[in-house]
Amino acid sequence: MKNILLILFCACSWPVFAQEVSAKKFFWGVVAGIEQHRLSVQSINNKVAAPDSPAAGAERGGTAGALAGLFGRWRLTRDLAIQSELLFSLTQNKVRFSPEGAQEQYQFIDAELPLHLVLTNRAKNHILRPSLMIGGRIGWNFASNPSDRLNLYQNRTAVDIGLGAEIHLKNFHIQPEIVYSYGLNNLHNYLNTLYDPGIKSVVRDRITLRVLLWQ
């Protein structure tokens, strides 16, 4: 009888030992990185506007800026999670105006709330796990940048896509990744300034190299 009970106990216990150590359903961490912003200024075709209509063009890339913030991640399945973030960044861009040849520098002090789906390959317990992120964000630029040439709205919406790799080192996880954020809304704030008639739209894109860290 004792032998039968021992066999039943081992049989019932085996599935428990065979399972992987359960991962946290929720965890949070910090994120830091550098960003490159780009203002895409689209001018109205001179054939449509007046022949002498002034135009504006942004530099190919602005000054690299700093990024810092917090994130929280909820696991939906073994490989899929949803991640929310609170990010703060600081950067700037120059815009050229022709025909006068003037330049103006626009400051961006952003607070953003991204929401992403994160897919991480956990098929095997590797130290290095590839990761794909996709989602969107909303943000607000606290630098107003008043101008008599071109004014911008302070709100921004965008879609994001990113690639990274989760690295497990003892009690910590490190995830370096690259994120491209494609601006959706037109930032051109039409206030009847000198260049407003010649500008169709202004869109702000950004690319980020960042590192996430959690325990």
N, C-alpha and C. Protein backbone atom coordinates (compact mmCIF):
# COMPACT_ATOMS: atom_id res chain seq x y z
N MET A 1 0.83 -1.21 0.00
CA MET A 1 0.00 0.00 0.00
C MET A 1 0.86 1.26 0.00
N LYS A 2 1.95 1.22 0.83
CA LYS A 2 2.84 2.37 0.89
C LYS A 2 3.50 2.61 -0.46
N ASN A 3 3.87 1.51 -1.14
CA ASN A 3 4.50 1.66 -2.46
C ASN A 3 3.54 2.29 -3.47
N ILE A 4 2.28 1.91 -3.41
CA ILE A 4 1.28 2.48 -4.32
C ILE A 4 1.11 3.97 -4.08
N LEU A 5 1.04 4.39 -2.79
CA LEU A 5 0.89 5.80 -2.46
C LEU A 5 2.11 6.61 -2.91
N LEU A 6 3.30 6.01 -2.77
CA LEU A 6 4.52 6.70 -3.19
C LEU A 6 4.53 6.92 -4.70
N ILE A 7 4.10 5.89 -5.44
CA ILE A 7 4.04 6.02 -6.90
C ILE A 7 3.04 7.09 -7.31
N LEU A 8 1.87 7.13 -6.68
CA LEU A 8 0.87 8.14 -6.99
C LEU A 8 1.36 9.55 -6.66
N PHE A 9 2.07 9.70 -5.54
CA PHE A 9 2.60 11.01 -5.15
C PHE A 9 3.62 11.50 -6.17
N CYS A 10 4.51 10.59 -6.61
CA CYS A 10 5.52 10.99 -7.61
C CYS A 10 4.87 11.35 -8.94
N ALA A 11 3.83 10.60 -9.32
CA ALA A 11 3.16 10.85 -10.58
C ALA A 11 2.45 12.21 -10.57
N CYS A 12 1.87 12.56 -9.42
CA CYS A 12 1.17 13.84 -9.33
C CYS A 12 2.14 15.01 -9.22
N SER A 13 3.30 14.77 -8.65
CA SER A 13 4.26 15.84 -8.44
C SER A 13 5.07 16.14 -9.69
N TRP A 14 5.22 15.19 -10.61
CA TRP A 14 6.08 15.38 -11.77
C TRP A 14 5.71 16.58 -12.63
N PRO A 15 4.41 16.82 -12.94
CA PRO A 15 4.08 18.00 -13.76
C PRO A 15 4.52 19.31 -13.11
N VAL A 16 4.48 19.37 -11.77
CA VAL A 16 4.88 20.59 -11.08
C VAL A 16 6.37 20.84 -11.27
N PHE A 17 7.21 19.81 -11.09
CA PHE A 17 8.65 19.96 -11.26
C PHE A 17 9.02 20.18 -12.71
N ALA A 18 8.21 19.66 -13.62
CA ALA A 18 8.53 19.77 -15.04
C ALA A 18 8.28 21.17 -15.57
N GLN A 19 7.44 21.98 -14.89
CA GLN A 19 7.14 23.32 -15.36
C GLN A 19 8.32 24.25 -15.13
N GLU A 20 8.42 25.29 -16.00
CA GLU A 20 9.42 26.31 -15.80
C GLU A 20 9.03 27.18 -14.62
N VAL A 21 10.03 27.83 -14.04
CA VAL A 21 9.74 28.77 -12.97
C VAL A 21 8.86 29.88 -13.53
N SER A 22 7.74 30.14 -12.87
CA SER A 22 6.78 31.09 -13.41
C SER A 22 7.39 32.49 -13.48
N ALA A 23 7.20 33.14 -14.63
CA ALA A 23 7.71 34.49 -14.81
C ALA A 23 6.74 35.48 -14.19
N LYS A 24 7.27 36.64 -13.87
CA LYS A 24 6.43 37.68 -13.30
C LYS A 24 5.37 38.11 -14.31
N LYS A 25 4.15 38.28 -13.84
CA LYS A 25 3.09 38.76 -14.71
C LYS A 25 3.21 40.25 -14.97
N PHE A 26 3.74 40.97 -14.00
CA PHE A 26 3.95 42.41 -14.15
C PHE A 26 5.30 42.79 -13.57
N PHE A 27 5.99 43.67 -14.26
CA PHE A 27 7.22 44.24 -13.71
C PHE A 27 7.43 45.63 -14.31
N TRP A 28 8.27 46.40 -13.69
CA TRP A 28 8.54 47.75 -14.17
C TRP A 28 10.04 47.98 -14.14
N GLY A 29 10.45 49.01 -14.87
CA GLY A 29 11.87 49.32 -14.94
C GLY A 29 12.10 50.72 -15.45
N VAL A 30 13.34 51.00 -15.77
CA VAL A 30 13.74 52.33 -16.25
C VAL A 30 14.22 52.23 -17.69
N VAL A 31 14.15 53.34 -18.40
CA VAL A 31 14.60 53.39 -19.79
C VAL A 31 15.37 54.69 -20.00
N ALA A 32 16.45 54.62 -20.77
CA ALA A 32 17.26 55.79 -21.09
C ALA A 32 17.84 55.61 -22.49
N GLY A 33 18.11 56.72 -23.17
CA GLY A 33 18.66 56.61 -24.51
C GLY A 33 18.92 57.97 -25.14
N ILE A 34 19.21 57.94 -26.43
CA ILE A 34 19.41 59.16 -27.21
C ILE A 34 18.48 59.12 -28.41
N GLU A 35 18.04 60.31 -28.84
CA GLU A 35 17.08 60.41 -29.94
C GLU A 35 17.57 61.39 -30.99
N GLN A 36 17.17 61.11 -32.22
CA GLN A 36 17.39 62.04 -33.33
C GLN A 36 16.03 62.40 -33.90
N HIS A 37 15.72 63.69 -33.93
CA HIS A 37 14.43 64.15 -34.43
C HIS A 37 14.59 64.75 -35.82
N ARG A 38 13.52 64.69 -36.60
CA ARG A 38 13.52 65.30 -37.92
C ARG A 38 12.18 65.95 -38.17
N LEU A 39 12.23 67.23 -38.56
CA LEU A 39 11.02 67.93 -38.99
C LEU A 39 10.93 67.86 -40.51
N SER A 40 9.86 67.29 -41.01
CA SER A 40 9.63 67.23 -42.45
C SER A 40 8.65 68.34 -42.82
N VAL A 41 9.18 69.40 -43.45
CA VAL A 41 8.37 70.54 -43.84
C VAL A 41 8.05 70.43 -45.32
N GLN A 42 6.77 70.26 -45.64
CA GLN A 42 6.33 70.14 -47.03
C GLN A 42 5.75 71.47 -47.50
N SER A 43 6.37 72.04 -48.52
CA SER A 43 5.91 73.32 -49.06
C SER A 43 4.87 73.10 -50.15
N ILE A 44 3.99 74.07 -50.31
CA ILE A 44 3.00 74.03 -51.38
C ILE A 44 3.69 74.29 -52.71
N ASN A 45 3.30 73.53 -53.72
CA ASN A 45 3.89 73.71 -55.04
C ASN A 45 3.71 75.15 -55.52
N ASN A 46 4.79 75.74 -56.00
CA ASN A 46 4.75 77.14 -56.44
C ASN A 46 3.74 77.37 -57.57
N LYS A 47 3.40 76.31 -58.30
CA LYS A 47 2.41 76.46 -59.37
C LYS A 47 1.01 76.68 -58.80
N VAL A 48 0.82 76.15 -57.58
CA VAL A 48 -0.46 76.33 -56.92
C VAL A 48 -0.49 77.64 -56.15
N ALA A 49 0.60 77.87 -55.40
CA ALA A 49 0.70 79.12 -54.65
C ALA A 49 1.22 80.21 -55.57
N ALA A 50 1.40 81.39 -55.01
CA ALA A 50 1.95 82.49 -55.80
C ALA A 50 3.38 82.16 -56.20
N PRO A 51 3.82 82.63 -57.39
CA PRO A 51 5.18 82.32 -57.85
C PRO A 51 6.26 82.75 -56.89
N ASP A 52 6.04 83.83 -56.15
CA ASP A 52 7.05 84.31 -55.21
C ASP A 52 6.74 83.89 -53.78
N SER A 53 5.90 82.87 -53.62
CA SER A 53 5.53 82.40 -52.28
C SER A 53 6.75 81.88 -51.54
N PRO A 54 7.00 82.33 -50.31
CA PRO A 54 8.16 81.85 -49.55
C PRO A 54 7.99 80.40 -49.13
N ALA A 55 9.09 79.73 -48.89
CA ALA A 55 9.07 78.31 -48.52
C ALA A 55 10.00 78.07 -47.35
N ALA A 56 9.83 76.95 -46.69
CA ALA A 56 10.67 76.58 -45.56
C ALA A 56 11.09 75.14 -45.70
N GLY A 57 12.25 74.82 -45.18
CA GLY A 57 12.75 73.46 -45.21
C GLY A 57 13.51 73.14 -43.94
N ALA A 58 13.34 71.95 -43.42
CA ALA A 58 14.02 71.57 -42.19
C ALA A 58 15.37 70.93 -42.51
N GLU A 59 16.26 70.99 -41.55
CA GLU A 59 17.52 70.27 -41.69
C GLU A 59 17.24 68.77 -41.73
N ARG A 60 18.18 68.05 -42.34
CA ARG A 60 17.99 66.60 -42.47
C ARG A 60 17.79 65.95 -41.10
N GLY A 61 18.54 66.37 -40.13
CA GLY A 61 18.39 65.85 -38.77
C GLY A 61 18.75 66.91 -37.76
N GLY A 62 18.07 66.95 -36.64
CA GLY A 62 18.37 67.92 -35.61
C GLY A 62 19.45 67.41 -34.68
N THR A 63 19.69 68.18 -33.64
CA THR A 63 20.68 67.79 -32.64
C THR A 63 20.17 66.58 -31.86
N ALA A 64 21.05 65.62 -31.63
CA ALA A 64 20.67 64.44 -30.85
C ALA A 64 20.30 64.86 -29.44
N GLY A 65 19.23 64.29 -28.91
CA GLY A 65 18.76 64.65 -27.58
C GLY A 65 18.74 63.46 -26.65
N ALA A 66 18.44 63.74 -25.39
CA ALA A 66 18.43 62.72 -24.34
C ALA A 66 17.01 62.27 -24.05
N LEU A 67 16.88 61.02 -23.63
CA LEU A 67 15.59 60.41 -23.30
C LEU A 67 15.71 59.65 -21.99
N ALA A 68 14.70 59.77 -21.13
CA ALA A 68 14.67 59.02 -19.87
C ALA A 68 13.21 58.81 -19.47
N GLY A 69 12.97 57.74 -18.70
CA GLY A 69 11.62 57.49 -18.25
C GLY A 69 11.46 56.17 -17.54
N LEU A 70 10.20 55.78 -17.37
CA LEU A 70 9.82 54.54 -16.71
C LEU A 70 8.90 53.74 -17.62
N PHE A 71 8.86 52.43 -17.41
CA PHE A 71 7.92 51.58 -18.16
C PHE A 71 7.38 50.49 -17.24
N GLY A 72 6.20 50.00 -17.58
CA GLY A 72 5.60 48.85 -16.92
C GLY A 72 5.16 47.85 -17.97
N ARG A 73 5.37 46.57 -17.71
CA ARG A 73 5.06 45.53 -18.69
C ARG A 73 4.19 44.44 -18.07
N TRP A 74 3.10 44.13 -18.74
CA TRP A 74 2.20 43.06 -18.32
C TRP A 74 2.30 41.90 -19.31
N ARG A 75 2.57 40.71 -18.84
CA ARG A 75 2.63 39.54 -19.71
C ARG A 75 1.22 39.03 -19.98
N LEU A 76 0.88 38.92 -21.26
CA LEU A 76 -0.40 38.35 -21.66
C LEU A 76 -0.28 36.85 -21.90
N THR A 77 0.81 36.46 -22.54
CA THR A 77 1.14 35.05 -22.74
C THR A 77 2.64 34.90 -22.47
N ARG A 78 3.17 33.72 -22.76
CA ARG A 78 4.61 33.50 -22.56
C ARG A 78 5.44 34.46 -23.39
N ASP A 79 5.02 34.70 -24.62
CA ASP A 79 5.83 35.51 -25.54
C ASP A 79 5.30 36.93 -25.77
N LEU A 80 4.04 37.18 -25.42
CA LEU A 80 3.41 38.47 -25.75
C LEU A 80 3.14 39.26 -24.48
N ALA A 81 3.45 40.57 -24.53
CA ALA A 81 3.22 41.45 -23.39
C ALA A 81 2.74 42.80 -23.89
N ILE A 82 2.11 43.55 -23.01
CA ILE A 82 1.71 44.93 -23.30
C ILE A 82 2.54 45.83 -22.40
N GLN A 83 3.04 46.91 -22.96
CA GLN A 83 3.96 47.78 -22.24
C GLN A 83 3.51 49.23 -22.34
N SER A 84 3.40 49.89 -21.21
CA SER A 84 3.11 51.32 -21.16
C SER A 84 4.33 52.05 -20.62
N GLU A 85 4.50 53.31 -21.05
CA GLU A 85 5.69 54.06 -20.69
C GLU A 85 5.34 55.50 -20.35
N LEU A 86 6.19 56.12 -19.57
CA LEU A 86 6.17 57.55 -19.32
C LEU A 86 7.56 58.07 -19.63
N LEU A 87 7.68 58.86 -20.71
CA LEU A 87 8.98 59.27 -21.22
C LEU A 87 9.12 60.78 -21.24
N PHE A 88 10.35 61.24 -21.02
CA PHE A 88 10.70 62.65 -21.12
C PHE A 88 11.93 62.77 -22.01
N SER A 89 11.90 63.74 -22.93
CA SER A 89 13.03 63.91 -23.84
C SER A 89 13.26 65.38 -24.12
N LEU A 90 14.49 65.68 -24.56
CA LEU A 90 14.90 67.05 -24.84
C LEU A 90 15.75 67.05 -26.10
N THR A 91 15.34 67.84 -27.10
CA THR A 91 16.11 67.96 -28.33
C THR A 91 15.71 69.24 -29.06
N GLN A 92 16.29 69.46 -30.25
CA GLN A 92 15.99 70.67 -31.01
C GLN A 92 16.21 70.43 -32.50
N ASN A 93 15.59 71.28 -33.32
CA ASN A 93 15.71 71.23 -34.78
C ASN A 93 15.81 72.65 -35.33
N LYS A 94 16.52 72.78 -36.44
CA LYS A 94 16.57 74.06 -37.14
C LYS A 94 15.73 73.98 -38.39
N VAL A 95 15.09 75.11 -38.73
CA VAL A 95 14.30 75.23 -39.95
C VAL A 95 14.85 76.39 -40.77
N ARG A 96 15.10 76.15 -42.05
CA ARG A 96 15.59 77.18 -42.97
C ARG A 96 14.41 77.80 -43.71
N PHE A 97 14.46 79.10 -43.88
CA PHE A 97 13.41 79.83 -44.57
C PHE A 97 14.01 80.54 -45.79
N SER A 98 13.37 80.33 -46.94
CA SER A 98 13.83 80.99 -48.16
C SER A 98 12.65 81.80 -48.74
N PRO A 99 12.94 82.87 -49.42
CA PRO A 99 14.25 83.25 -49.97
C PRO A 99 15.13 84.09 -49.04
N GLU A 100 14.66 84.44 -47.84
CA GLU A 100 15.44 85.33 -47.00
C GLU A 100 16.67 84.66 -46.40
N GLY A 101 16.71 83.33 -46.39
CA GLY A 101 17.88 82.62 -45.88
C GLY A 101 18.00 82.58 -44.37
N ALA A 102 16.94 82.92 -43.67
CA ALA A 102 16.97 82.92 -42.20
C ALA A 102 16.81 81.49 -41.67
N GLN A 103 17.25 81.30 -40.43
CA GLN A 103 17.08 80.02 -39.74
C GLN A 103 16.48 80.27 -38.37
N GLU A 104 15.62 79.35 -37.95
CA GLU A 104 15.09 79.40 -36.59
C GLU A 104 15.27 78.03 -35.94
N GLN A 105 15.55 78.05 -34.65
CA GLN A 105 15.76 76.81 -33.91
C GLN A 105 14.53 76.53 -33.04
N TYR A 106 14.01 75.32 -33.16
CA TYR A 106 12.82 74.92 -32.42
C TYR A 106 13.22 73.93 -31.33
N GLN A 107 12.81 74.24 -30.11
CA GLN A 107 13.11 73.38 -28.97
C GLN A 107 11.95 72.40 -28.73
N PHE A 108 12.30 71.20 -28.29
CA PHE A 108 11.30 70.19 -27.98
C PHE A 108 11.59 69.60 -26.61
N ILE A 109 10.69 69.89 -25.68
CA ILE A 109 10.76 69.32 -24.33
C ILE A 109 9.51 68.48 -24.17
N ASP A 110 9.63 67.20 -24.43
CA ASP A 110 8.46 66.33 -24.59
C ASP A 110 8.19 65.46 -23.37
N ALA A 111 6.91 65.30 -23.08
CA ALA A 111 6.42 64.26 -22.18
C ALA A 111 5.49 63.38 -23.01
N GLU A 112 5.72 62.06 -22.99
CA GLU A 112 4.98 61.15 -23.87
C GLU A 112 4.46 59.94 -23.12
N LEU A 113 3.38 59.39 -23.66
CA LEU A 113 2.76 58.18 -23.11
C LEU A 113 2.65 57.14 -24.23
N PRO A 114 3.69 56.36 -24.47
CA PRO A 114 3.60 55.28 -25.47
C PRO A 114 2.87 54.06 -24.90
N LEU A 115 2.25 53.30 -25.79
CA LEU A 115 1.61 52.02 -25.46
C LEU A 115 1.99 51.04 -26.56
N HIS A 116 2.64 49.93 -26.18
CA HIS A 116 3.20 49.02 -27.16
C HIS A 116 2.85 47.57 -26.85
N LEU A 117 2.77 46.77 -27.90
CA LEU A 117 2.77 45.32 -27.78
C LEU A 117 4.20 44.84 -27.99
N VAL A 118 4.67 43.97 -27.11
CA VAL A 118 6.04 43.48 -27.16
C VAL A 118 6.02 41.97 -27.35
N LEU A 119 6.64 41.51 -28.42
CA LEU A 119 6.74 40.08 -28.72
C LEU A 119 8.18 39.64 -28.52
N THR A 120 8.40 38.72 -27.57
CA THR A 120 9.73 38.23 -27.24
C THR A 120 9.78 36.73 -27.42
N ASN A 121 10.78 36.24 -28.11
CA ASN A 121 10.92 34.81 -28.37
C ASN A 121 11.43 34.11 -27.12
N ARG A 122 10.54 33.40 -26.42
CA ARG A 122 10.92 32.68 -25.20
C ARG A 122 10.80 31.16 -25.40
N ALA A 123 10.93 30.71 -26.64
CA ALA A 123 10.80 29.28 -26.91
C ALA A 123 11.85 28.48 -26.17
N LYS A 124 13.04 29.06 -26.00
CA LYS A 124 14.10 28.40 -25.25
C LYS A 124 14.67 29.37 -24.24
N ASN A 125 15.23 28.85 -23.19
CA ASN A 125 15.75 29.67 -22.11
C ASN A 125 17.14 30.20 -22.47
N HIS A 126 17.20 31.02 -23.53
CA HIS A 126 18.46 31.59 -23.96
C HIS A 126 18.77 32.87 -23.18
N ILE A 127 20.05 33.19 -23.08
CA ILE A 127 20.46 34.44 -22.45
C ILE A 127 20.02 35.63 -23.31
N LEU A 128 20.08 35.47 -24.63
CA LEU A 128 19.72 36.53 -25.57
C LEU A 128 18.43 36.16 -26.28
N ARG A 129 17.41 37.03 -26.16
CA ARG A 129 16.10 36.76 -26.75
C ARG A 129 15.69 37.92 -27.65
N PRO A 130 15.47 37.69 -28.95
CA PRO A 130 15.05 38.77 -29.85
C PRO A 130 13.65 39.27 -29.49
N SER A 131 13.42 40.55 -29.76
CA SER A 131 12.17 41.17 -29.37
C SER A 131 11.69 42.13 -30.47
N LEU A 132 10.36 42.15 -30.68
CA LEU A 132 9.73 43.06 -31.63
C LEU A 132 8.67 43.87 -30.90
N MET A 133 8.66 45.17 -31.14
CA MET A 133 7.72 46.06 -30.48
C MET A 133 6.96 46.87 -31.52
N ILE A 134 5.65 47.03 -31.31
CA ILE A 134 4.83 47.85 -32.20
C ILE A 134 3.72 48.49 -31.38
N GLY A 135 3.35 49.73 -31.75
CA GLY A 135 2.30 50.42 -31.01
C GLY A 135 2.21 51.87 -31.40
N GLY A 136 1.84 52.71 -30.47
CA GLY A 136 1.68 54.13 -30.74
C GLY A 136 1.96 54.95 -29.50
N ARG A 137 1.87 56.28 -29.67
CA ARG A 137 2.13 57.18 -28.56
C ARG A 137 1.43 58.52 -28.77
N ILE A 138 1.20 59.19 -27.66
CA ILE A 138 0.76 60.58 -27.67
C ILE A 138 1.73 61.37 -26.81
N GLY A 139 1.93 62.64 -27.17
CA GLY A 139 2.89 63.44 -26.41
C GLY A 139 2.57 64.91 -26.49
N TRP A 140 3.26 65.67 -25.65
CA TRP A 140 3.08 67.11 -25.59
C TRP A 140 4.43 67.78 -25.46
N ASN A 141 4.66 68.79 -26.30
CA ASN A 141 5.90 69.56 -26.26
C ASN A 141 5.68 70.78 -25.37
N PHE A 142 6.42 70.88 -24.26
CA PHE A 142 6.24 71.98 -23.33
C PHE A 142 6.99 73.25 -23.75
N ALA A 143 7.78 73.18 -24.82
CA ALA A 143 8.42 74.37 -25.39
C ALA A 143 7.50 74.91 -26.49
N SER A 144 7.03 76.16 -26.34
CA SER A 144 6.01 76.69 -27.25
C SER A 144 6.59 77.20 -28.57
N ASN A 145 7.83 77.73 -28.58
CA ASN A 145 8.50 78.21 -29.81
C ASN A 145 7.68 79.23 -30.60
N PRO A 146 7.30 80.35 -30.02
CA PRO A 146 6.56 81.36 -30.78
C PRO A 146 7.42 81.95 -31.89
N SER A 147 6.81 82.18 -33.06
CA SER A 147 7.57 82.64 -34.22
C SER A 147 6.69 83.48 -35.13
N ASP A 148 7.32 84.45 -35.84
CA ASP A 148 6.58 85.21 -36.85
C ASP A 148 6.74 84.60 -38.23
N ARG A 149 7.35 83.39 -38.31
CA ARG A 149 7.51 82.70 -39.59
C ARG A 149 6.72 81.39 -39.64
N LEU A 150 6.90 80.54 -38.61
CA LEU A 150 6.25 79.23 -38.59
C LEU A 150 6.00 78.81 -37.15
N ASN A 151 4.76 78.48 -36.85
CA ASN A 151 4.39 78.01 -35.52
C ASN A 151 3.93 76.55 -35.59
N LEU A 152 4.22 75.82 -34.53
CA LEU A 152 3.91 74.40 -34.49
C LEU A 152 2.95 74.09 -33.36
N TYR A 153 2.04 73.14 -33.62
CA TYR A 153 1.22 72.61 -32.53
C TYR A 153 2.11 71.86 -31.55
N GLN A 154 1.70 71.83 -30.28
CA GLN A 154 2.53 71.19 -29.26
C GLN A 154 2.19 69.72 -29.04
N ASN A 155 1.02 69.28 -29.50
CA ASN A 155 0.67 67.86 -29.35
C ASN A 155 1.23 67.05 -30.50
N ARG A 156 1.50 65.78 -30.24
CA ARG A 156 2.02 64.88 -31.28
C ARG A 156 1.47 63.48 -31.07
N THR A 157 1.05 62.84 -32.17
CA THR A 157 0.66 61.43 -32.15
C THR A 157 1.52 60.70 -33.17
N ALA A 158 1.80 59.43 -32.90
CA ALA A 158 2.71 58.69 -33.77
C ALA A 158 2.48 57.19 -33.62
N VAL A 159 2.93 56.44 -34.62
CA VAL A 159 3.01 54.99 -34.54
C VAL A 159 4.48 54.60 -34.42
N ASP A 160 4.74 53.55 -33.66
CA ASP A 160 6.11 53.13 -33.36
C ASP A 160 6.34 51.69 -33.78
N ILE A 161 7.57 51.43 -34.17
CA ILE A 161 8.01 50.05 -34.39
C ILE A 161 9.45 49.96 -33.92
N GLY A 162 9.79 48.86 -33.27
CA GLY A 162 11.13 48.74 -32.71
C GLY A 162 11.62 47.31 -32.72
N LEU A 163 12.94 47.16 -32.76
CA LEU A 163 13.61 45.87 -32.68
C LEU A 163 14.62 45.92 -31.54
N GLY A 164 14.69 44.83 -30.79
CA GLY A 164 15.62 44.79 -29.67
C GLY A 164 16.00 43.38 -29.31
N ALA A 165 16.71 43.25 -28.22
CA ALA A 165 17.14 41.95 -27.72
C ALA A 165 17.16 41.99 -26.20
N GLU A 166 16.45 41.06 -25.58
CA GLU A 166 16.41 40.97 -24.13
C GLU A 166 17.57 40.10 -23.65
N ILE A 167 18.36 40.65 -22.74
CA ILE A 167 19.54 39.95 -22.21
C ILE A 167 19.33 39.71 -20.72
N HIS A 168 19.43 38.44 -20.31
CA HIS A 168 19.24 38.07 -18.91
C HIS A 168 20.59 37.89 -18.26
N LEU A 169 20.88 38.74 -17.27
CA LEU A 169 22.15 38.68 -16.55
C LEU A 169 21.87 38.56 -15.05
N LYS A 170 21.95 37.34 -14.54
CA LYS A 170 21.70 37.06 -13.12
C LYS A 170 20.34 37.62 -12.70
N ASN A 171 20.32 38.67 -11.84
CA ASN A 171 19.06 39.19 -11.32
C ASN A 171 18.49 40.34 -12.15
N PHE A 172 19.16 40.69 -13.24
CA PHE A 172 18.73 41.84 -14.03
C PHE A 172 18.49 41.45 -15.48
N HIS A 173 17.59 42.22 -16.11
CA HIS A 173 17.34 42.08 -17.53
C HIS A 173 17.68 43.42 -18.20
N ILE A 174 18.40 43.35 -19.30
CA ILE A 174 18.76 44.52 -20.08
C ILE A 174 18.24 44.33 -21.50
N GLN A 175 17.58 45.35 -22.04
CA GLN A 175 17.04 45.24 -23.39
C GLN A 175 17.43 46.47 -24.21
N PRO A 176 18.52 46.38 -24.98
CA PRO A 176 18.81 47.45 -25.94
C PRO A 176 17.89 47.31 -27.15
N GLU A 177 17.45 48.45 -27.69
CA GLU A 177 16.56 48.40 -28.84
C GLU A 177 16.63 49.71 -29.62
N ILE A 178 16.20 49.63 -30.86
CA ILE A 178 16.09 50.79 -31.73
C ILE A 178 14.62 50.96 -32.09
N VAL A 179 14.11 52.19 -31.95
CA VAL A 179 12.69 52.47 -32.15
C VAL A 179 12.54 53.60 -33.15
N TYR A 180 11.69 53.38 -34.15
CA TYR A 180 11.35 54.43 -35.12
C TYR A 180 9.92 54.88 -34.84
N SER A 181 9.74 56.18 -34.67
CA SER A 181 8.44 56.77 -34.37
C SER A 181 8.02 57.66 -35.54
N TYR A 182 6.95 57.28 -36.21
CA TYR A 182 6.46 57.98 -37.40
C TYR A 182 5.32 58.91 -37.01
N GLY A 183 5.54 60.22 -37.19
CA GLY A 183 4.53 61.20 -36.81
C GLY A 183 3.30 61.14 -37.68
N LEU A 184 2.12 61.24 -37.08
CA LEU A 184 0.86 61.14 -37.80
C LEU A 184 0.19 62.49 -38.01
N ASN A 185 0.25 63.37 -37.03
CA ASN A 185 -0.52 64.62 -37.13
C ASN A 185 0.30 65.75 -37.74
N ASN A 186 -0.40 66.61 -38.45
CA ASN A 186 0.22 67.79 -39.05
C ASN A 186 0.45 68.83 -37.96
N LEU A 187 1.70 69.22 -37.76
CA LEU A 187 2.06 70.16 -36.69
C LEU A 187 1.96 71.62 -37.12
N HIS A 188 1.63 71.88 -38.38
CA HIS A 188 1.60 73.25 -38.87
C HIS A 188 0.43 74.01 -38.24
N ASN A 189 0.75 74.99 -37.42
CA ASN A 189 -0.26 75.82 -36.76
C ASN A 189 -0.41 77.11 -37.56
N TYR A 190 -1.48 77.20 -38.34
CA TYR A 190 -1.69 78.32 -39.27
C TYR A 190 -2.16 79.55 -38.48
N LEU A 191 -1.25 80.53 -38.35
CA LEU A 191 -1.57 81.75 -37.61
C LEU A 191 -1.37 83.00 -38.48
N ASN A 192 -1.46 82.82 -39.81
CA ASN A 192 -1.31 83.93 -40.76
C ASN A 192 0.05 84.62 -40.65
N THR A 193 1.09 83.82 -40.42
CA THR A 193 2.44 84.36 -40.44
C THR A 193 2.95 84.42 -41.88
N LEU A 194 4.16 84.95 -42.05
CA LEU A 194 4.70 85.19 -43.39
C LEU A 194 4.76 83.92 -44.23
N TYR A 195 5.15 82.80 -43.64
CA TYR A 195 5.39 81.58 -44.40
C TYR A 195 4.20 80.62 -44.40
N ASP A 196 3.15 80.92 -43.70
CA ASP A 196 2.01 80.01 -43.65
C ASP A 196 1.40 79.71 -45.02
N PRO A 197 1.26 80.69 -45.91
CA PRO A 197 0.65 80.38 -47.22
C PRO A 197 1.48 79.41 -48.06
N GLY A 198 2.78 79.31 -47.82
CA GLY A 198 3.63 78.44 -48.63
C GLY A 198 3.91 77.09 -48.03
N ILE A 199 3.39 76.82 -46.84
CA ILE A 199 3.68 75.56 -46.15
C ILE A 199 2.42 74.71 -46.08
N LYS A 200 2.53 73.48 -46.54
CA LYS A 200 1.38 72.57 -46.54
C LYS A 200 1.29 71.80 -45.23
N SER A 201 2.39 71.19 -44.80
CA SER A 201 2.35 70.38 -43.59
C SER A 201 3.73 70.31 -42.95
N VAL A 202 3.73 70.00 -41.67
CA VAL A 202 4.97 69.76 -40.91
C VAL A 202 4.76 68.49 -40.09
N VAL A 203 5.61 67.50 -40.32
CA VAL A 203 5.52 66.23 -39.60
C VAL A 203 6.84 65.97 -38.90
N ARG A 204 6.76 65.43 -37.72
CA ARG A 204 7.95 65.21 -36.89
C ARG A 204 8.16 63.72 -36.67
N ASP A 205 9.26 63.22 -37.20
CA ASP A 205 9.66 61.82 -37.02
C ASP A 205 10.86 61.76 -36.08
N ARG A 206 11.09 60.59 -35.50
CA ARG A 206 12.22 60.45 -34.59
C ARG A 206 12.68 59.00 -34.55
N ILE A 207 13.98 58.83 -34.32
CA ILE A 207 14.56 57.50 -34.17
C ILE A 207 15.33 57.48 -32.86
N THR A 208 15.18 56.39 -32.11
CA THR A 208 15.71 56.33 -30.75
C THR A 208 16.56 55.08 -30.56
N LEU A 209 17.71 55.26 -29.95
CA LEU A 209 18.51 54.16 -29.45
C LEU A 209 18.39 54.18 -27.93
N ARG A 210 17.82 53.13 -27.36
CA ARG A 210 17.56 53.17 -25.93
C ARG A 210 17.83 51.82 -25.28
N VAL A 211 17.89 51.84 -23.94
CA VAL A 211 18.13 50.64 -23.16
C VAL A 211 17.11 50.57 -22.05
N LEU A 212 16.43 49.43 -21.92
CA LEU A 212 15.50 49.18 -20.83
C LEU A 212 16.19 48.29 -19.79
N LEU A 213 15.95 48.58 -18.51
CA LEU A 213 16.57 47.82 -17.42
C LEU A 213 15.52 47.50 -16.38
N TRP A 214 15.44 46.21 -15.99
CA TRP A 214 14.53 45.82 -14.92
C TRP A 214 15.11 44.61 -14.16
N GLN A 215 14.50 44.35 -13.04
CA GLN A 215 14.99 43.28 -12.17
C GLN A 215 14.11 42.05 -12.26
